[in-house]
Amino acid sequence: MNGSMRKLLTIITEAALESVLIKDLEHLGGRGYTITDARGKGSRGTRNAAWDESSNIRIEVVCDAATVEAIVAHLQACYYENYAMILFVSDVAVLRPEKF
């Protein structure tokens, strides 16, 4: 298996931000994303998804390092202070690099 290296940016945040984050990701160069529902507990309490206002989403974006840096800088500047949000970045090998 030969893969090309890319970055996987994972964003876990409040579901209420979904539509605005999609616009941000597309504007900042994200070519695609995957969104799933998420549950858990953190510094802002338990997020159990029992009702929309308490639900979280997990957004995954595979892209190059420069795009990850731009997205992370924007999210930290615009959302970190007022919303429950964590970000983490991993190295991943992709088999269809032209998609990213």
PDB file of N, CA and C in Angstrom:
ATOM      1  N   MET A   1       0.840  -1.174   0.000  1.00  0.00           N
ATOM      2  CA  MET A   1       0.000   0.000   0.000  1.00  0.00           C
ATOM      3  C   MET A   1       0.886   1.239   0.000  1.00  0.00           C
ATOM      4  N   ASN A   2       0.727   2.057  -0.993  1.00  0.00           N
ATOM      5  CA  ASN A   2       1.416   3.342  -1.051  1.00  0.00           C
ATOM      6  C   ASN A   2       0.391   4.442  -0.852  1.00  0.00           C
ATOM      7  N   GLY A   3       0.617   5.260   0.140  1.00  0.00           N
ATOM      8  CA  GLY A   3      -0.305   6.347   0.416  1.00  0.00           C
ATOM      9  C   GLY A   3       0.418   7.674   0.405  1.00  0.00           C
ATOM     10  N   SER A   4      -0.327   8.713   0.129  1.00  0.00           N
ATOM     11  CA  SER A   4       0.200  10.076   0.213  1.00  0.00           C
ATOM     12  C   SER A   4      -0.214  10.650   1.555  1.00  0.00           C
ATOM     13  N   MET A   5       0.671  11.379   2.175  1.00  0.00           N
ATOM     14  CA  MET A   5       0.390  11.908   3.505  1.00  0.00           C
ATOM     15  C   MET A   5      -0.432  13.190   3.437  1.00  0.00           C
ATOM     16  N   ARG A   6      -1.420  13.255   4.297  1.00  0.00           N
ATOM     17  CA  ARG A   6      -2.258  14.439   4.490  1.00  0.00           C
ATOM     18  C   ARG A   6      -2.488  14.591   5.983  1.00  0.00           C
ATOM     19  N   LYS A   7      -3.226  15.622   6.353  1.00  0.00           N
ATOM     20  CA  LYS A   7      -3.590  15.861   7.747  1.00  0.00           C
ATOM     21  C   LYS A   7      -5.073  15.579   7.919  1.00  0.00           C
ATOM     22  N   LEU A   8      -5.435  15.028   9.066  1.00  0.00           N
ATOM     23  CA  LEU A   8      -6.829  14.841   9.450  1.00  0.00           C
ATOM     24  C   LEU A   8      -7.108  15.798  10.590  1.00  0.00           C
ATOM     25  N   LEU A   9      -7.964  16.777  10.342  1.00  0.00           N
ATOM     26  CA  LEU A   9      -8.398  17.706  11.373  1.00  0.00           C
ATOM     27  C   LEU A   9      -9.734  17.212  11.911  1.00  0.00           C
ATOM     28  N   THR A  10      -9.801  17.013  13.216  1.00  0.00           N
ATOM     29  CA  THR A  10     -11.036  16.600  13.872  1.00  0.00           C
ATOM     30  C   THR A  10     -11.500  17.747  14.762  1.00  0.00           C
ATOM     31  N   ILE A  11     -12.754  18.121  14.587  1.00  0.00           N
ATOM     32  CA  ILE A  11     -13.375  19.202  15.348  1.00  0.00           C
ATOM     33  C   ILE A  11     -14.550  18.595  16.101  1.00  0.00           C
ATOM     34  N   ILE A  12     -14.567  18.750  17.408  1.00  0.00           N
ATOM     35  CA  ILE A  12     -15.721  18.327  18.189  1.00  0.00           C
ATOM     36  C   ILE A  12     -16.284  19.589  18.825  1.00  0.00           C
ATOM     37  N   THR A  13     -17.547  19.871  18.527  1.00  0.00           N
ATOM     38  CA  THR A  13     -18.129  21.133  18.967  1.00  0.00           C
ATOM     39  C   THR A  13     -19.645  21.044  19.050  1.00  0.00           C
ATOM     40  N   GLU A  14     -20.250  22.146  19.395  1.00  0.00           N
ATOM     41  CA  GLU A  14     -21.693  22.237  19.546  1.00  0.00           C
ATOM     42  C   GLU A  14     -22.389  22.115  18.186  1.00  0.00           C
ATOM     43  N   ALA A  15     -23.440  21.328  18.134  1.00  0.00           N
ATOM     44  CA  ALA A  15     -24.171  21.110  16.886  1.00  0.00           C
ATOM     45  C   ALA A  15     -24.755  22.400  16.328  1.00  0.00           C
ATOM     46  N   ALA A  16     -25.016  23.365  17.176  1.00  0.00           N
ATOM     47  CA  ALA A  16     -25.580  24.637  16.723  1.00  0.00           C
ATOM     48  C   ALA A  16     -24.656  25.362  15.744  1.00  0.00           C
ATOM     49  N   LEU A  17     -23.382  25.030  15.740  1.00  0.00           N
ATOM     50  CA  LEU A  17     -22.418  25.675  14.845  1.00  0.00           C
ATOM     51  C   LEU A  17     -22.299  25.017  13.477  1.00  0.00           C
ATOM     52  N   GLU A  18     -22.995  23.923  13.252  1.00  0.00           N
ATOM     53  CA  GLU A  18     -22.769  23.133  12.033  1.00  0.00           C
ATOM     54  C   GLU A  18     -22.836  23.956  10.755  1.00  0.00           C
ATOM     55  N   SER A  19     -23.898  24.696  10.532  1.00  0.00           N
ATOM     56  CA  SER A  19     -24.048  25.390   9.245  1.00  0.00           C
ATOM     57  C   SER A  19     -22.989  26.465   9.043  1.00  0.00           C
ATOM     58  N   VAL A  20     -22.644  27.197  10.086  1.00  0.00           N
ATOM     59  CA  VAL A  20     -21.627  28.236   9.936  1.00  0.00           C
ATOM     60  C   VAL A  20     -20.239  27.625   9.760  1.00  0.00           C
ATOM     61  N   LEU A  21     -19.966  26.515  10.429  1.00  0.00           N
ATOM     62  CA  LEU A  21     -18.665  25.868  10.271  1.00  0.00           C
ATOM     63  C   LEU A  21     -18.489  25.287   8.875  1.00  0.00           C
ATOM     64  N   ILE A  22     -19.543  24.761   8.300  1.00  0.00           N
ATOM     65  CA  ILE A  22     -19.462  24.255   6.924  1.00  0.00           C
ATOM     66  C   ILE A  22     -19.050  25.378   5.981  1.00  0.00           C
ATOM     67  N   LYS A  23     -19.654  26.538   6.125  1.00  0.00           N
ATOM     68  CA  LYS A  23     -19.280  27.690   5.289  1.00  0.00           C
ATOM     69  C   LYS A  23     -17.828  28.076   5.525  1.00  0.00           C
ATOM     70  N   ASP A  24     -17.403  28.103   6.795  1.00  0.00           N
ATOM     71  CA  ASP A  24     -16.012  28.431   7.114  1.00  0.00           C
ATOM     72  C   ASP A  24     -15.046  27.441   6.462  1.00  0.00           C
ATOM     73  N   LEU A  25     -15.329  26.152   6.609  1.00  0.00           N
ATOM     74  CA  LEU A  25     -14.441  25.128   6.047  1.00  0.00           C
ATOM     75  C   LEU A  25     -14.312  25.274   4.540  1.00  0.00           C
ATOM     76  N   GLU A  26     -15.423  25.461   3.866  1.00  0.00           N
ATOM     77  CA  GLU A  26     -15.388  25.601   2.411  1.00  0.00           C
ATOM     78  C   GLU A  26     -14.640  26.865   1.993  1.00  0.00           C
ATOM     79  N   HIS A  27     -14.860  27.970   2.711  1.00  0.00           N
ATOM     80  CA  HIS A  27     -14.188  29.235   2.411  1.00  0.00           C
ATOM     81  C   HIS A  27     -12.672  29.135   2.623  1.00  0.00           C
ATOM     82  N   LEU A  28     -12.267  28.335   3.603  1.00  0.00           N
ATOM     83  CA  LEU A  28     -10.850  28.215   3.944  1.00  0.00           C
ATOM     84  C   LEU A  28     -10.124  27.105   3.195  1.00  0.00           C
ATOM     85  N   GLY A  29     -10.802  26.439   2.259  1.00  0.00           N
ATOM     86  CA  GLY A  29     -10.126  25.472   1.406  1.00  0.00           C
ATOM     87  C   GLY A  29     -10.397  24.007   1.688  1.00  0.00           C
ATOM     88  N   GLY A  30     -11.258  23.712   2.647  1.00  0.00           N
ATOM     89  CA  GLY A  30     -11.622  22.316   2.882  1.00  0.00           C
ATOM     90  C   GLY A  30     -12.447  21.799   1.706  1.00  0.00           C
ATOM     91  N   ARG A  31     -11.995  20.740   1.084  1.00  0.00           N
ATOM     92  CA  ARG A  31     -12.680  20.231  -0.111  1.00  0.00           C
ATOM     93  C   ARG A  31     -13.782  19.239   0.206  1.00  0.00           C
ATOM     94  N   GLY A  32     -13.828  18.775   1.441  1.00  0.00           N
ATOM     95  CA  GLY A  32     -14.845  17.831   1.857  1.00  0.00           C
ATOM     96  C   GLY A  32     -14.754  17.625   3.355  1.00  0.00           C
ATOM     97  N   TYR A  33     -15.769  17.021   3.911  1.00  0.00           N
ATOM     98  CA  TYR A  33     -15.813  16.811   5.349  1.00  0.00           C
ATOM     99  C   TYR A  33     -16.805  15.703   5.650  1.00  0.00           C
ATOM    100  N   THR A  34     -16.688  15.150   6.843  1.00  0.00           N
ATOM    101  CA  THR A  34     -17.640  14.175   7.354  1.00  0.00           C
ATOM    102  C   THR A  34     -18.126  14.682   8.699  1.00  0.00           C
ATOM    103  N   ILE A  35     -19.434  14.644   8.907  1.00  0.00           N
ATOM    104  CA  ILE A  35     -20.018  15.102  10.168  1.00  0.00           C
ATOM    105  C   ILE A  35     -20.815  13.962  10.783  1.00  0.00           C
ATOM    106  N   THR A  36     -20.563  13.709  12.070  1.00  0.00           N
ATOM    107  CA  THR A  36     -21.315  12.699  12.818  1.00  0.00           C
ATOM    108  C   THR A  36     -21.749  13.298  14.153  1.00  0.00           C
ATOM    109  N   ASP A  37     -22.790  12.734  14.725  1.00  0.00           N
ATOM    110  CA  ASP A  37     -23.222  13.143  16.060  1.00  0.00           C
ATOM    111  C   ASP A  37     -22.205  12.644  17.075  1.00  0.00           C
ATOM    112  N   ALA A  38     -22.052  13.392  18.165  1.00  0.00           N
ATOM    113  CA  ALA A  38     -21.082  13.018  19.197  1.00  0.00           C
ATOM    114  C   ALA A  38     -21.682  13.255  20.581  1.00  0.00           C
ATOM    115  N   ARG A  39     -21.270  12.430  21.530  1.00  0.00           N
ATOM    116  CA  ARG A  39     -21.690  12.570  22.923  1.00  0.00           C
ATOM    117  C   ARG A  39     -20.450  12.495  23.796  1.00  0.00           C
ATOM    118  N   GLY A  40     -20.526  13.076  24.999  1.00  0.00           N
ATOM    119  CA  GLY A  40     -19.400  12.963  25.912  1.00  0.00           C
ATOM    120  C   GLY A  40     -19.466  13.963  27.039  1.00  0.00           C
ATOM    121  N   LYS A  41     -18.364  14.045  27.770  1.00  0.00           N
ATOM    122  CA  LYS A  41     -18.272  14.952  28.899  1.00  0.00           C
ATOM    123  C   LYS A  41     -16.932  15.655  28.843  1.00  0.00           C
ATOM    124  N   GLY A  42     -16.956  16.939  29.133  1.00  0.00           N
ATOM    125  CA  GLY A  42     -15.730  17.725  29.150  1.00  0.00           C
ATOM    126  C   GLY A  42     -15.834  18.852  30.146  1.00  0.00           C
ATOM    127  N   SER A  43     -14.993  19.859  29.979  1.00  0.00           N
ATOM    128  CA  SER A  43     -14.933  20.964  30.928  1.00  0.00           C
ATOM    129  C   SER A  43     -16.225  21.773  30.972  1.00  0.00           C
ATOM    130  N   ARG A  44     -17.035  21.692  29.931  1.00  0.00           N
ATOM    131  CA  ARG A  44     -18.305  22.417  29.902  1.00  0.00           C
ATOM    132  C   ARG A  44     -19.488  21.518  30.233  1.00  0.00           C
ATOM    133  N   GLY A  45     -19.213  20.339  30.810  1.00  0.00           N
ATOM    134  CA  GLY A  45     -20.274  19.456  31.260  1.00  0.00           C
ATOM    135  C   GLY A  45     -20.552  18.317  30.302  1.00  0.00           C
ATOM    136  N   THR A  46     -21.621  17.576  30.601  1.00  0.00           N
ATOM    137  CA  THR A  46     -22.026  16.435  29.792  1.00  0.00           C
ATOM    138  C   THR A  46     -22.829  16.913  28.598  1.00  0.00           C
ATOM    139  N   ARG A  47     -22.499  16.373  27.434  1.00  0.00           N
ATOM    140  CA  ARG A  47     -23.222  16.673  26.201  1.00  0.00           C
ATOM    141  C   ARG A  47     -23.800  15.344  25.736  1.00  0.00           C
ATOM    142  N   ASN A  48     -25.095  15.130  26.016  1.00  0.00           N
ATOM    143  CA  ASN A  48     -25.668  13.810  25.766  1.00  0.00           C
ATOM    144  C   ASN A  48     -26.558  13.722  24.538  1.00  0.00           C
ATOM    145  N   ALA A  49     -26.761  14.819  23.835  1.00  0.00           N
ATOM    146  CA  ALA A  49     -27.549  14.839  22.599  1.00  0.00           C
ATOM    147  C   ALA A  49     -29.016  14.513  22.820  1.00  0.00           C
ATOM    148  N   ALA A  50     -29.498  14.622  24.053  1.00  0.00           N
ATOM    149  CA  ALA A  50     -30.911  14.351  24.334  1.00  0.00           C
ATOM    150  C   ALA A  50     -31.814  15.399  23.699  1.00  0.00           C
ATOM    151  N   TRP A  51     -31.296  16.595  23.496  1.00  0.00           N
ATOM    152  CA  TRP A  51     -32.042  17.637  22.808  1.00  0.00           C
ATOM    153  C   TRP A  51     -31.047  18.479  22.029  1.00  0.00           C
ATOM    154  N   ASP A  52     -31.502  19.120  20.974  1.00  0.00           N
ATOM    155  CA  ASP A  52     -30.602  19.791  20.039  1.00  0.00           C
ATOM    156  C   ASP A  52     -29.629  20.765  20.700  1.00  0.00           C
ATOM    157  N   GLU A  53     -30.088  21.511  21.682  1.00  0.00           N
ATOM    158  CA  GLU A  53     -29.235  22.506  22.314  1.00  0.00           C
ATOM    159  C   GLU A  53     -28.091  21.898  23.109  1.00  0.00           C
ATOM    160  N   SER A  54     -28.162  20.616  23.423  1.00  0.00           N
ATOM    161  CA  SER A  54     -27.074  19.994  24.184  1.00  0.00           C
ATOM    162  C   SER A  54     -26.312  18.965  23.354  1.00  0.00           C
ATOM    163  N   SER A  55     -26.485  18.983  22.047  1.00  0.00           N
ATOM    164  CA  SER A  55     -25.815  17.971  21.234  1.00  0.00           C
ATOM    165  C   SER A  55     -24.498  18.490  20.667  1.00  0.00           C
ATOM    166  N   ASN A  56     -23.628  17.585  20.370  1.00  0.00           N
ATOM    167  CA  ASN A  56     -22.327  17.869  19.772  1.00  0.00           C
ATOM    168  C   ASN A  56     -22.225  17.180  18.426  1.00  0.00           C
ATOM    169  N   ILE A  57     -21.317  17.686  17.615  1.00  0.00           N
ATOM    170  CA  ILE A  57     -20.974  17.038  16.355  1.00  0.00           C
ATOM    171  C   ILE A  57     -19.467  16.842  16.303  1.00  0.00           C
ATOM    172  N   ARG A  58     -19.080  15.898  15.478  1.00  0.00           N
ATOM    173  CA  ARG A  58     -17.667  15.635  15.194  1.00  0.00           C
ATOM    174  C   ARG A  58     -17.504  15.857  13.692  1.00  0.00           C
ATOM    175  N   ILE A  59     -16.631  16.784  13.330  1.00  0.00           N
ATOM    176  CA  ILE A  59     -16.366  17.088  11.931  1.00  0.00           C
ATOM    177  C   ILE A  59     -14.943  16.639  11.622  1.00  0.00           C
ATOM    178  N   GLU A  60     -14.788  15.875  10.558  1.00  0.00           N
ATOM    179  CA  GLU A  60     -13.467  15.420  10.137  1.00  0.00           C
ATOM    180  C   GLU A  60     -13.172  15.958   8.744  1.00  0.00           C
ATOM    181  N   VAL A  61     -11.978  16.540   8.603  1.00  0.00           N
ATOM    182  CA  VAL A  61     -11.553  17.126   7.336  1.00  0.00           C
ATOM    183  C   VAL A  61     -10.158  16.586   7.019  1.00  0.00           C
ATOM    184  N   VAL A  62      -9.983  16.024   5.832  1.00  0.00           N
ATOM    185  CA  VAL A  62      -8.664  15.583   5.381  1.00  0.00           C
ATOM    186  C   VAL A  62      -8.183  16.609   4.360  1.00  0.00           C
ATOM    187  N   CYS A  63      -6.996  17.161   4.603  1.00  0.00           N
ATOM    188  CA  CYS A  63      -6.462  18.183   3.702  1.00  0.00           C
ATOM    189  C   CYS A  63      -4.963  18.331   3.925  1.00  0.00           C
ATOM    190  N   ASP A  64      -4.363  19.294   3.239  1.00  0.00           N
ATOM    191  CA  ASP A  64      -2.925  19.515   3.409  1.00  0.00           C
ATOM    192  C   ASP A  64      -2.658  20.349   4.664  1.00  0.00           C
ATOM    193  N   ALA A  65      -1.401  20.431   5.038  1.00  0.00           N
ATOM    194  CA  ALA A  65      -1.016  21.100   6.284  1.00  0.00           C
ATOM    195  C   ALA A  65      -1.372  22.584   6.273  1.00  0.00           C
ATOM    196  N   ALA A  66      -1.192  23.269   5.144  1.00  0.00           N
ATOM    197  CA  ALA A  66      -1.491  24.700   5.082  1.00  0.00           C
ATOM    198  C   ALA A  66      -2.973  24.974   5.305  1.00  0.00           C
ATOM    199  N   THR A  67      -3.818  24.118   4.757  1.00  0.00           N
ATOM    200  CA  THR A  67      -5.265  24.291   4.940  1.00  0.00           C
ATOM    201  C   THR A  67      -5.643  24.041   6.390  1.00  0.00           C
ATOM    202  N   VAL A  68      -5.063  23.011   7.006  1.00  0.00           N
ATOM    203  CA  VAL A  68      -5.323  22.748   8.420  1.00  0.00           C
ATOM    204  C   VAL A  68      -4.918  23.960   9.257  1.00  0.00           C
ATOM    205  N   GLU A  69      -3.758  24.518   8.997  1.00  0.00           N
ATOM    206  CA  GLU A  69      -3.302  25.675   9.763  1.00  0.00           C
ATOM    207  C   GLU A  69      -4.261  26.847   9.633  1.00  0.00           C
ATOM    208  N   ALA A  70      -4.761  27.104   8.426  1.00  0.00           N
ATOM    209  CA  ALA A  70      -5.703  28.205   8.213  1.00  0.00           C
ATOM    210  C   ALA A  70      -7.018  27.962   8.954  1.00  0.00           C
ATOM    211  N   ILE A  71      -7.522  26.746   8.876  1.00  0.00           N
ATOM    212  CA  ILE A  71      -8.784  26.417   9.545  1.00  0.00           C
ATOM    213  C   ILE A  71      -8.628  26.521  11.060  1.00  0.00           C
ATOM    214  N   VAL A  72      -7.563  25.948  11.594  1.00  0.00           N
ATOM    215  CA  VAL A  72      -7.340  25.969  13.038  1.00  0.00           C
ATOM    216  C   VAL A  72      -7.221  27.408  13.544  1.00  0.00           C
ATOM    217  N   ALA A  73      -6.450  28.240  12.868  1.00  0.00           N
ATOM    218  CA  ALA A  73      -6.291  29.637  13.288  1.00  0.00           C
ATOM    219  C   ALA A  73      -7.638  30.356  13.312  1.00  0.00           C
ATOM    220  N   HIS A  74      -8.443  30.132  12.292  1.00  0.00           N
ATOM    221  CA  HIS A  74      -9.761  30.764  12.219  1.00  0.00           C
ATOM    222  C   HIS A  74     -10.681  30.276  13.340  1.00  0.00           C
ATOM    223  N   LEU A  75     -10.740  28.986  13.560  1.00  0.00           N
ATOM    224  CA  LEU A  75     -11.622  28.448  14.589  1.00  0.00           C
ATOM    225  C   LEU A  75     -11.201  28.914  15.976  1.00  0.00           C
ATOM    226  N   GLN A  76      -9.906  28.928  16.242  1.00  0.00           N
ATOM    227  CA  GLN A  76      -9.433  29.395  17.543  1.00  0.00           C
ATOM    228  C   GLN A  76      -9.782  30.868  17.758  1.00  0.00           C
ATOM    229  N   ALA A  77      -9.610  31.686  16.736  1.00  0.00           N
ATOM    230  CA  ALA A  77      -9.884  33.122  16.856  1.00  0.00           C
ATOM    231  C   ALA A  77     -11.377  33.422  16.981  1.00  0.00           C
ATOM    232  N   CYS A  78     -12.208  32.672  16.290  1.00  0.00           N
ATOM    233  CA  CYS A  78     -13.635  33.004  16.216  1.00  0.00           C
ATOM    234  C   CYS A  78     -14.538  32.254  17.187  1.00  0.00           C
ATOM    235  N   TYR A  79     -14.140  31.067  17.634  1.00  0.00           N
ATOM    236  CA  TYR A  79     -15.077  30.226  18.381  1.00  0.00           C
ATOM    237  C   TYR A  79     -14.591  29.749  19.747  1.00  0.00           C
ATOM    238  N   TYR A  80     -13.282  29.638  19.951  1.00  0.00           N
ATOM    239  CA  TYR A  80     -12.774  29.025  21.180  1.00  0.00           C
ATOM    240  C   TYR A  80     -13.291  29.692  22.449  1.00  0.00           C
ATOM    241  N   GLU A  81     -13.373  31.004  22.453  1.00  0.00           N
ATOM    242  CA  GLU A  81     -13.728  31.718  23.684  1.00  0.00           C
ATOM    243  C   GLU A  81     -15.176  31.475  24.109  1.00  0.00           C
ATOM    244  N   ASN A  82     -16.085  31.315  23.152  1.00  0.00           N
ATOM    245  CA  ASN A  82     -17.511  31.292  23.478  1.00  0.00           C
ATOM    246  C   ASN A  82     -18.230  29.969  23.253  1.00  0.00           C
ATOM    247  N   TYR A  83     -17.548  28.976  22.712  1.00  0.00           N
ATOM    248  CA  TYR A  83     -18.201  27.709  22.401  1.00  0.00           C
ATOM    249  C   TYR A  83     -17.372  26.533  22.908  1.00  0.00           C
ATOM    250  N   ALA A  84     -18.066  25.449  23.213  1.00  0.00           N
ATOM    251  CA  ALA A  84     -17.379  24.207  23.542  1.00  0.00           C
ATOM    252  C   ALA A  84     -16.801  23.662  22.238  1.00  0.00           C
ATOM    253  N   MET A  85     -15.480  23.567  22.161  1.00  0.00           N
ATOM    254  CA  MET A  85     -14.834  23.116  20.926  1.00  0.00           C
ATOM    255  C   MET A  85     -13.451  22.578  21.251  1.00  0.00           C
ATOM    256  N   ILE A  86     -13.147  21.413  20.693  1.00  0.00           N
ATOM    257  CA  ILE A  86     -11.778  20.913  20.731  1.00  0.00           C
ATOM    258  C   ILE A  86     -11.368  20.555  19.307  1.00  0.00           C
ATOM    259  N   LEU A  87     -10.086  20.681  19.060  1.00  0.00           N
ATOM    260  CA  LEU A  87      -9.511  20.365  17.752  1.00  0.00           C
ATOM    261  C   LEU A  87      -8.327  19.437  17.983  1.00  0.00           C
ATOM    262  N   PHE A  88      -8.164  18.479  17.083  1.00  0.00           N
ATOM    263  CA  PHE A  88      -6.915  17.730  17.083  1.00  0.00           C
ATOM    264  C   PHE A  88      -6.563  17.351  15.662  1.00  0.00           C
ATOM    265  N   VAL A  89      -5.263  17.213  15.429  1.00  0.00           N
ATOM    266  CA  VAL A  89      -4.727  16.974  14.092  1.00  0.00           C
ATOM    267  C   VAL A  89      -3.895  15.702  14.115  1.00  0.00           C
ATOM    268  N   SER A  90      -4.096  14.869  13.098  1.00  0.00           N
ATOM    269  CA  SER A  90      -3.347  13.617  12.962  1.00  0.00           C
ATOM    270  C   SER A  90      -2.771  13.533  11.552  1.00  0.00           C
ATOM    271  N   ASP A  91      -1.682  12.816  11.422  1.00  0.00           N
ATOM    272  CA  ASP A  91      -1.148  12.488  10.098  1.00  0.00           C
ATOM    273  C   ASP A  91      -1.878  11.253   9.592  1.00  0.00           C
ATOM    274  N   VAL A  92      -2.296  11.282   8.336  1.00  0.00           N
ATOM    275  CA  VAL A  92      -2.971  10.132   7.736  1.00  0.00           C
ATOM    276  C   VAL A  92      -2.404   9.871   6.345  1.00  0.00           C
ATOM    277  N   ALA A  93      -2.426   8.612   5.939  1.00  0.00           N
ATOM    278  CA  ALA A  93      -2.042   8.231   4.575  1.00  0.00           C
ATOM    279  C   ALA A  93      -3.327   8.037   3.789  1.00  0.00           C
ATOM    280  N   VAL A  94      -3.445   8.706   2.661  1.00  0.00           N
ATOM    281  CA  VAL A  94      -4.631   8.579   1.820  1.00  0.00           C
ATOM    282  C   VAL A  94      -4.273   7.866   0.526  1.00  0.00           C
ATOM    283  N   LEU A  95      -5.218   7.098   0.030  1.00  0.00           N
ATOM    284  CA  LEU A  95      -4.968   6.299  -1.175  1.00  0.00           C
ATOM    285  C   LEU A  95      -5.440   6.993  -2.456  1.00  0.00           C
ATOM    286  N   ARG A  96      -6.215   8.037  -2.306  1.00  0.00           N
ATOM    287  CA  ARG A  96      -6.675   8.807  -3.475  1.00  0.00           C
ATOM    288  C   ARG A  96      -6.347  10.284  -3.227  1.00  0.00           C
ATOM    289  N   PRO A  97      -5.066  10.652  -3.299  1.00  0.00           N
ATOM    290  CA  PRO A  97      -4.650  11.993  -2.900  1.00  0.00           C
ATOM    291  C   PRO A  97      -5.268  13.118  -3.721  1.00  0.00           C
ATOM    292  N   GLU A  98      -5.696  12.831  -4.930  1.00  0.00           N
ATOM    293  CA  GLU A  98      -6.294  13.871  -5.768  1.00  0.00           C
ATOM    294  C   GLU A  98      -7.605  14.392  -5.179  1.00  0.00           C
ATOM    295  N   LYS A  99      -8.226  13.649  -4.281  1.00  0.00           N
ATOM    296  CA  LYS A  99      -9.481  14.077  -3.663  1.00  0.00           C
ATOM    297  C   LYS A  99      -9.258  15.115  -2.569  1.00  0.00           C
ATOM    298  N   PHE A 100      -8.009  15.274  -2.116  1.00  0.00           N
ATOM    299  CA  PHE A 100      -7.730  16.138  -0.977  1.00  0.00           C
ATOM    300  C   PHE A 100      -6.797  17.233  -1.368  1.00  0.00           C
TER     301      PHE A 100
END
